Every structure is written in structure tokens, then in C-alpha cells.
């Protein structure tokens, strides 16, 4: 099954804000859980606001 590339959307707004970015080595190093870098963004109160885990996103795309 071939996936079409995502179509870019016009930017509606831009806002500068202060966040904390972390990069963590995650995974057990096995086929169903490979080691990889996961990037997370946190607000200044310590609440996670975004997570980028390309392997997990790819896996969920294959399952759905």
C-alpha cells in the first residue's frame, strides 16, 4: 500500500514561546522495540506538550 505524501497546509498563525526540549534514548533494542531517539517538548510547568517518536508513528501507521 503506497501512502501519498502529506499536503502542506498554509500557516495560520505563528507564536514564539518558551519550551523545554528533551532527547532521550528509548527502546529495548529488539525488533518490536528498537533503540531510538525520542524528542519531547515540555511547557515551563513540566507538562508534556509534544512527543516525536518516528518509529512509533510508523508502527501505528502500519497497524491502522
PDB file of N, CA and C in Angstrom:
ATOM      1  N   UNK A   1       0.837  -1.174   0.000  1.00  0.00           N
ATOM      2  CA  UNK A   1       0.000   0.000   0.000  1.00  0.00           C
ATOM      3  C   UNK A   1       0.883   1.240   0.000  1.00  0.00           C
ATOM      4  N   UNK A   2       0.708   2.078  -0.986  1.00  0.00           N
ATOM      5  CA  UNK A   2       1.529   3.273  -1.108  1.00  0.00           C
ATOM      6  C   UNK A   2       0.816   4.457  -0.472  1.00  0.00           C
ATOM      7  N   UNK A   3       1.537   5.180   0.359  1.00  0.00           N
ATOM      8  CA  UNK A   3       0.972   6.348   1.022  1.00  0.00           C
ATOM      9  C   UNK A   3       1.297   7.596   0.222  1.00  0.00           C
ATOM     10  N   UNK A   4       0.307   8.437   0.052  1.00  0.00           N
ATOM     11  CA  UNK A   4       0.517   9.712  -0.611  1.00  0.00           C
ATOM     12  C   UNK A   4       1.210  10.663   0.357  1.00  0.00           C
ATOM     13  N   UNK A   5       2.112  11.504  -0.137  1.00  0.00           N
ATOM     14  CA  UNK A   5       2.759  12.468   0.766  1.00  0.00           C
ATOM     15  C   UNK A   5       1.731  13.446   1.319  1.00  0.00           C
ATOM     16  N   UNK A   6       1.974  13.878   2.535  1.00  0.00           N
ATOM     17  CA  UNK A   6       1.070  14.841   3.168  1.00  0.00           C
ATOM     18  C   UNK A   6       1.096  16.150   2.399  1.00  0.00           C
ATOM     19  N   UNK A   7      -0.059  16.741   2.223  1.00  0.00           N
ATOM     20  CA  UNK A   7      -0.142  18.028   1.541  1.00  0.00           C
ATOM     21  C   UNK A   7       0.138  19.132   2.556  1.00  0.00           C
ATOM     22  N   UNK A   8       1.024  20.067   2.222  1.00  0.00           N
ATOM     23  CA  UNK A   8       1.308  21.144   3.166  1.00  0.00           C
ATOM     24  C   UNK A   8       0.086  22.030   3.359  1.00  0.00           C
ATOM     25  N   UNK A   9      -0.101  22.481   4.567  1.00  0.00           N
ATOM     26  CA  UNK A   9      -1.205  23.384   4.884  1.00  0.00           C
ATOM     27  C   UNK A   9      -0.642  24.781   5.080  1.00  0.00           C
ATOM     28  N   UNK A  10      -1.386  25.793   4.675  1.00  0.00           N
ATOM     29  CA  UNK A  10      -0.910  27.157   4.901  1.00  0.00           C
ATOM     30  C   UNK A  10      -0.810  27.458   6.393  1.00  0.00           C
ATOM     31  N   UNK A  11       0.196  28.189   6.770  1.00  0.00           N
ATOM     32  CA  UNK A  11       0.368  28.577   8.174  1.00  0.00           C
ATOM     33  C   UNK A  11      -0.699  29.592   8.528  1.00  0.00           C
ATOM     34  N   UNK A  12      -1.407  29.318   9.588  1.00  0.00           N
ATOM     35  CA  UNK A  12      -2.466  30.223  10.013  1.00  0.00           C
ATOM     36  C   UNK A  12      -1.976  31.224  11.041  1.00  0.00           C
ATOM     37  N   UNK A  13      -1.066  30.790  11.915  1.00  0.00           N
ATOM     38  CA  UNK A  13      -0.504  31.710  12.894  1.00  0.00           C
ATOM     39  C   UNK A  13       0.839  31.181  13.374  1.00  0.00           C
ATOM     40  N   UNK A  14       1.631  32.083  13.898  1.00  0.00           N
ATOM     41  CA  UNK A  14       2.930  31.739  14.472  1.00  0.00           C
ATOM     42  C   UNK A  14       3.023  32.458  15.805  1.00  0.00           C
ATOM     43  N   UNK A  15       3.536  31.723  16.792  1.00  0.00           N
ATOM     44  CA  UNK A  15       3.697  32.320  18.112  1.00  0.00           C
ATOM     45  C   UNK A  15       5.011  31.845  18.701  1.00  0.00           C
ATOM     46  N   UNK A  16       5.786  32.751  19.206  1.00  0.00           N
ATOM     47  CA  UNK A  16       7.035  32.412  19.868  1.00  0.00           C
ATOM     48  C   UNK A  16       6.725  32.109  21.327  1.00  0.00           C
ATOM     49  N   UNK A  17       7.243  30.977  21.805  1.00  0.00           N
ATOM     50  CA  UNK A  17       7.009  30.621  23.195  1.00  0.00           C
ATOM     51  C   UNK A  17       8.208  29.860  23.752  1.00  0.00           C
ATOM     52  N   UNK A  18       8.316  29.839  25.030  1.00  0.00           N
ATOM     53  CA  UNK A  18       9.420  29.164  25.697  1.00  0.00           C
ATOM     54  C   UNK A  18       8.999  27.743  26.060  1.00  0.00           C
ATOM     55  N   UNK A  19       9.806  26.775  25.630  1.00  0.00           N
ATOM     56  CA  UNK A  19       9.555  25.367  25.941  1.00  0.00           C
ATOM     57  C   UNK A  19      10.877  24.705  26.314  1.00  0.00           C
ATOM     58  N   UNK A  20      10.773  23.523  26.879  1.00  0.00           N
ATOM     59  CA  UNK A  20      11.942  22.695  27.174  1.00  0.00           C
ATOM     60  C   UNK A  20      11.908  21.521  26.207  1.00  0.00           C
ATOM     61  N   UNK A  21      13.039  21.267  25.539  1.00  0.00           N
ATOM     62  CA  UNK A  21      13.159  20.149  24.598  1.00  0.00           C
ATOM     63  C   UNK A  21      14.083  19.104  25.210  1.00  0.00           C
ATOM     64  N   UNK A  22      13.639  17.837  25.230  1.00  0.00           N
ATOM     65  CA  UNK A  22      14.490  16.749  25.683  1.00  0.00           C
ATOM     66  C   UNK A  22      14.630  15.726  24.560  1.00  0.00           C
ATOM     67  N   UNK A  23      15.778  15.095  24.493  1.00  0.00           N
ATOM     68  CA  UNK A  23      16.007  13.986  23.571  1.00  0.00           C
ATOM     69  C   UNK A  23      16.471  12.815  24.418  1.00  0.00           C
ATOM     70  N   UNK A  24      15.737  11.699  24.332  1.00  0.00           N
ATOM     71  CA  UNK A  24      16.014  10.536  25.172  1.00  0.00           C
ATOM     72  C   UNK A  24      16.241   9.304  24.315  1.00  0.00           C
ATOM     73  N   UNK A  25      17.155   8.455  24.753  1.00  0.00           N
ATOM     74  CA  UNK A  25      17.375   7.171  24.108  1.00  0.00           C
ATOM     75  C   UNK A  25      16.357   6.197  24.689  1.00  0.00           C
ATOM     76  N   UNK A  26      15.449   5.706  23.842  1.00  0.00           N
ATOM     77  CA  UNK A  26      14.363   4.836  24.285  1.00  0.00           C
ATOM     78  C   UNK A  26      14.440   3.510  23.550  1.00  0.00           C
ATOM     79  N   UNK A  27      13.734   2.532  24.061  1.00  0.00           N
ATOM     80  CA  UNK A  27      13.628   1.221  23.418  1.00  0.00           C
ATOM     81  C   UNK A  27      14.537   0.202  24.065  1.00  0.00           C
ATOM     82  N   UNK A  28      14.154  -1.079  23.893  1.00  0.00           N
ATOM     83  CA  UNK A  28      14.919  -2.190  24.479  1.00  0.00           C
ATOM     84  C   UNK A  28      15.930  -2.791  23.516  1.00  0.00           C
ATOM     85  N   UNK A  29      15.944  -2.304  22.262  1.00  0.00           N
ATOM     86  CA  UNK A  29      16.924  -2.803  21.303  1.00  0.00           C
ATOM     87  C   UNK A  29      16.530  -4.127  20.677  1.00  0.00           C
ATOM     88  N   UNK A  30      15.227  -4.416  20.624  1.00  0.00           N
ATOM     89  CA  UNK A  30      14.739  -5.638  19.984  1.00  0.00           C
ATOM     90  C   UNK A  30      13.786  -5.243  18.865  1.00  0.00           C
ATOM     91  N   UNK A  31      13.442  -6.190  18.009  1.00  0.00           N
ATOM     92  CA  UNK A  31      12.642  -5.919  16.818  1.00  0.00           C
ATOM     93  C   UNK A  31      11.389  -5.114  17.060  1.00  0.00           C
ATOM     94  N   UNK A  32      10.592  -5.487  18.066  1.00  0.00           N
ATOM     95  CA  UNK A  32       9.341  -4.759  18.300  1.00  0.00           C
ATOM     96  C   UNK A  32       9.522  -3.508  19.149  1.00  0.00           C
ATOM     97  N   UNK A  33      10.746  -3.251  19.624  1.00  0.00           N
ATOM     98  CA  UNK A  33      11.031  -2.048  20.418  1.00  0.00           C
ATOM     99  C   UNK A  33      12.492  -1.640  20.212  1.00  0.00           C
ATOM    100  N   UNK A  34      12.823  -1.154  18.988  1.00  0.00           N
ATOM    101  CA  UNK A  34      14.222  -0.805  18.706  1.00  0.00           C
ATOM    102  C   UNK A  34      14.667   0.425  19.499  1.00  0.00           C
ATOM    103  N   UNK A  35      15.968   0.526  19.710  1.00  0.00           N
ATOM    104  CA  UNK A  35      16.504   1.722  20.353  1.00  0.00           C
ATOM    105  C   UNK A  35      16.408   2.877  19.376  1.00  0.00           C
ATOM    106  N   UNK A  36      16.009   4.050  19.883  1.00  0.00           N
ATOM    107  CA  UNK A  36      15.826   5.221  19.042  1.00  0.00           C
ATOM    108  C   UNK A  36      15.813   6.466  19.909  1.00  0.00           C
ATOM    109  N   UNK A  37      15.972   7.607  19.271  1.00  0.00           N
ATOM    110  CA  UNK A  37      15.899   8.882  19.969  1.00  0.00           C
ATOM    111  C   UNK A  37      14.450   9.365  19.928  1.00  0.00           C
ATOM    112  N   UNK A  38      13.901   9.701  21.088  1.00  0.00           N
ATOM    113  CA  UNK A  38      12.563  10.273  21.196  1.00  0.00           C
ATOM    114  C   UNK A  38      12.723  11.709  21.678  1.00  0.00           C
ATOM    115  N   UNK A  39      12.120  12.644  20.936  1.00  0.00           N
ATOM    116  CA  UNK A  39      12.176  14.055  21.285  1.00  0.00           C
ATOM    117  C   UNK A  39      10.857  14.453  21.933  1.00  0.00           C
ATOM    118  N   UNK A  40      10.955  15.151  23.058  1.00  0.00           N
ATOM    119  CA  UNK A  40       9.754  15.613  23.750  1.00  0.00           C
ATOM    120  C   UNK A  40       9.882  17.109  24.011  1.00  0.00           C
ATOM    121  N   UNK A  41       8.740  17.775  24.008  1.00  0.00           N
ATOM    122  CA  UNK A  41       8.669  19.200  24.333  1.00  0.00           C
ATOM    123  C   UNK A  41       7.773  19.362  25.548  1.00  0.00           C
ATOM    124  N   UNK A  42       8.210  20.202  26.477  1.00  0.00           N
ATOM    125  CA  UNK A  42       7.530  20.401  27.754  1.00  0.00           C
ATOM    126  C   UNK A  42       7.283  21.884  27.964  1.00  0.00           C
ATOM    127  N   UNK A  43       6.147  22.201  28.610  1.00  0.00           N
ATOM    128  CA  UNK A  43       5.942  23.598  28.976  1.00  0.00           C
ATOM    129  C   UNK A  43       6.731  23.884  30.258  1.00  0.00           C
ATOM    130  N   UNK A  44       6.717  25.116  30.690  1.00  0.00           N
ATOM    131  CA  UNK A  44       7.533  25.513  31.839  1.00  0.00           C
ATOM    132  C   UNK A  44       6.990  24.986  33.166  1.00  0.00           C
ATOM    133  N   UNK A  45       5.808  24.377  33.149  1.00  0.00           N
ATOM    134  CA  UNK A  45       5.255  23.735  34.343  1.00  0.00           C
ATOM    135  C   UNK A  45       5.534  22.240  34.376  1.00  0.00           C
ATOM    136  N   UNK A  46       6.272  21.734  33.369  1.00  0.00           N
ATOM    137  CA  UNK A  46       6.633  20.322  33.340  1.00  0.00           C
ATOM    138  C   UNK A  46       5.617  19.431  32.652  1.00  0.00           C
ATOM    139  N   UNK A  47       4.645  20.006  31.953  1.00  0.00           N
ATOM    140  CA  UNK A  47       3.643  19.220  31.241  1.00  0.00           C
ATOM    141  C   UNK A  47       4.129  18.938  29.820  1.00  0.00           C
ATOM    142  N   UNK A  48       4.085  17.660  29.418  1.00  0.00           N
ATOM    143  CA  UNK A  48       4.488  17.305  28.064  1.00  0.00           C
ATOM    144  C   UNK A  48       3.481  17.877  27.074  1.00  0.00           C
ATOM    145  N   UNK A  49       3.987  18.578  26.058  1.00  0.00           N
ATOM    146  CA  UNK A  49       3.095  19.169  25.057  1.00  0.00           C
ATOM    147  C   UNK A  49       3.263  18.535  23.680  1.00  0.00           C
ATOM    148  N   UNK A  50       4.363  17.823  23.451  1.00  0.00           N
ATOM    149  CA  UNK A  50       4.550  17.134  22.169  1.00  0.00           C
ATOM    150  C   UNK A  50       5.601  16.052  22.322  1.00  0.00           C
ATOM    151  N   UNK A  51       5.443  14.992  21.525  1.00  0.00           N
ATOM    152  CA  UNK A  51       6.402  13.878  21.513  1.00  0.00           C
ATOM    153  C   UNK A  51       6.615  13.483  20.063  1.00  0.00           C
ATOM    154  N   UNK A  52       7.880  13.343  19.678  1.00  0.00           N
ATOM    155  CA  UNK A  52       8.220  12.900  18.330  1.00  0.00           C
ATOM    156  C   UNK A  52       8.969  11.581  18.459  1.00  0.00           C
ATOM    157  N   UNK A  53       8.306  10.515  18.025  1.00  0.00           N
ATOM    158  CA  UNK A  53       8.877   9.169  18.037  1.00  0.00           C
ATOM    159  C   UNK A  53       8.553   8.577  16.670  1.00  0.00           C
ATOM    160  N   UNK A  54       9.438   8.800  15.705  1.00  0.00           N
ATOM    161  CA  UNK A  54       9.174   8.412  14.321  1.00  0.00           C
ATOM    162  C   UNK A  54       8.888   6.922  14.188  1.00  0.00           C
ATOM    163  N   UNK A  55       9.566   6.083  14.959  1.00  0.00           N
ATOM    164  CA  UNK A  55       9.322   4.641  14.872  1.00  0.00           C
ATOM    165  C   UNK A  55       7.907   4.314  15.334  1.00  0.00           C
ATOM    166  N   UNK A  56       7.470   4.888  16.432  1.00  0.00           N
ATOM    167  CA  UNK A  56       6.119   4.622  16.944  1.00  0.00           C
ATOM    168  C   UNK A  56       5.069   5.113  15.951  1.00  0.00           C
ATOM    169  N   UNK A  57       5.284   6.284  15.365  1.00  0.00           N
ATOM    170  CA  UNK A  57       4.339   6.823  14.379  1.00  0.00           C
ATOM    171  C   UNK A  57       4.268   5.913  13.157  1.00  0.00           C
ATOM    172  N   UNK A  58       5.407   5.389  12.714  1.00  0.00           N
ATOM    173  CA  UNK A  58       5.433   4.478  11.568  1.00  0.00           C
ATOM    174  C   UNK A  58       4.694   3.185  11.907  1.00  0.00           C
ATOM    175  N   UNK A  59       4.921   2.665  13.116  1.00  0.00           N
ATOM    176  CA  UNK A  59       4.270   1.422  13.541  1.00  0.00           C
ATOM    177  C   UNK A  59       2.753   1.609  13.600  1.00  0.00           C
ATOM    178  N   UNK A  60       2.301   2.731  14.146  1.00  0.00           N
ATOM    179  CA  UNK A  60       0.867   2.986  14.231  1.00  0.00           C
ATOM    180  C   UNK A  60       0.267   3.144  12.854  1.00  0.00           C
ATOM    181  N   UNK A  61       1.014   3.728  11.901  1.00  0.00           N
ATOM    182  CA  UNK A  61       0.544   3.862  10.533  1.00  0.00           C
ATOM    183  C   UNK A  61       0.378   2.511   9.847  1.00  0.00           C
ATOM    184  N   UNK A  62       1.245   1.565  10.157  1.00  0.00           N
ATOM    185  CA  UNK A  62       1.147   0.236   9.579  1.00  0.00           C
ATOM    186  C   UNK A  62      -0.027  -0.538  10.165  1.00  0.00           C
ATOM    187  N   UNK A  63      -0.306  -0.324  11.460  1.00  0.00           N
ATOM    188  CA  UNK A  63      -1.394  -1.034  12.140  1.00  0.00           C
ATOM    189  C   UNK A  63      -2.760  -0.510  11.711  1.00  0.00           C
ATOM    190  N   UNK A  64      -2.834   0.782  11.354  1.00  0.00           N
ATOM    191  CA  UNK A  64      -4.132   1.382  11.084  1.00  0.00           C
ATOM    192  C   UNK A  64      -4.320   1.571   9.653  1.00  0.00           C
TER     193      UNK A  64
END
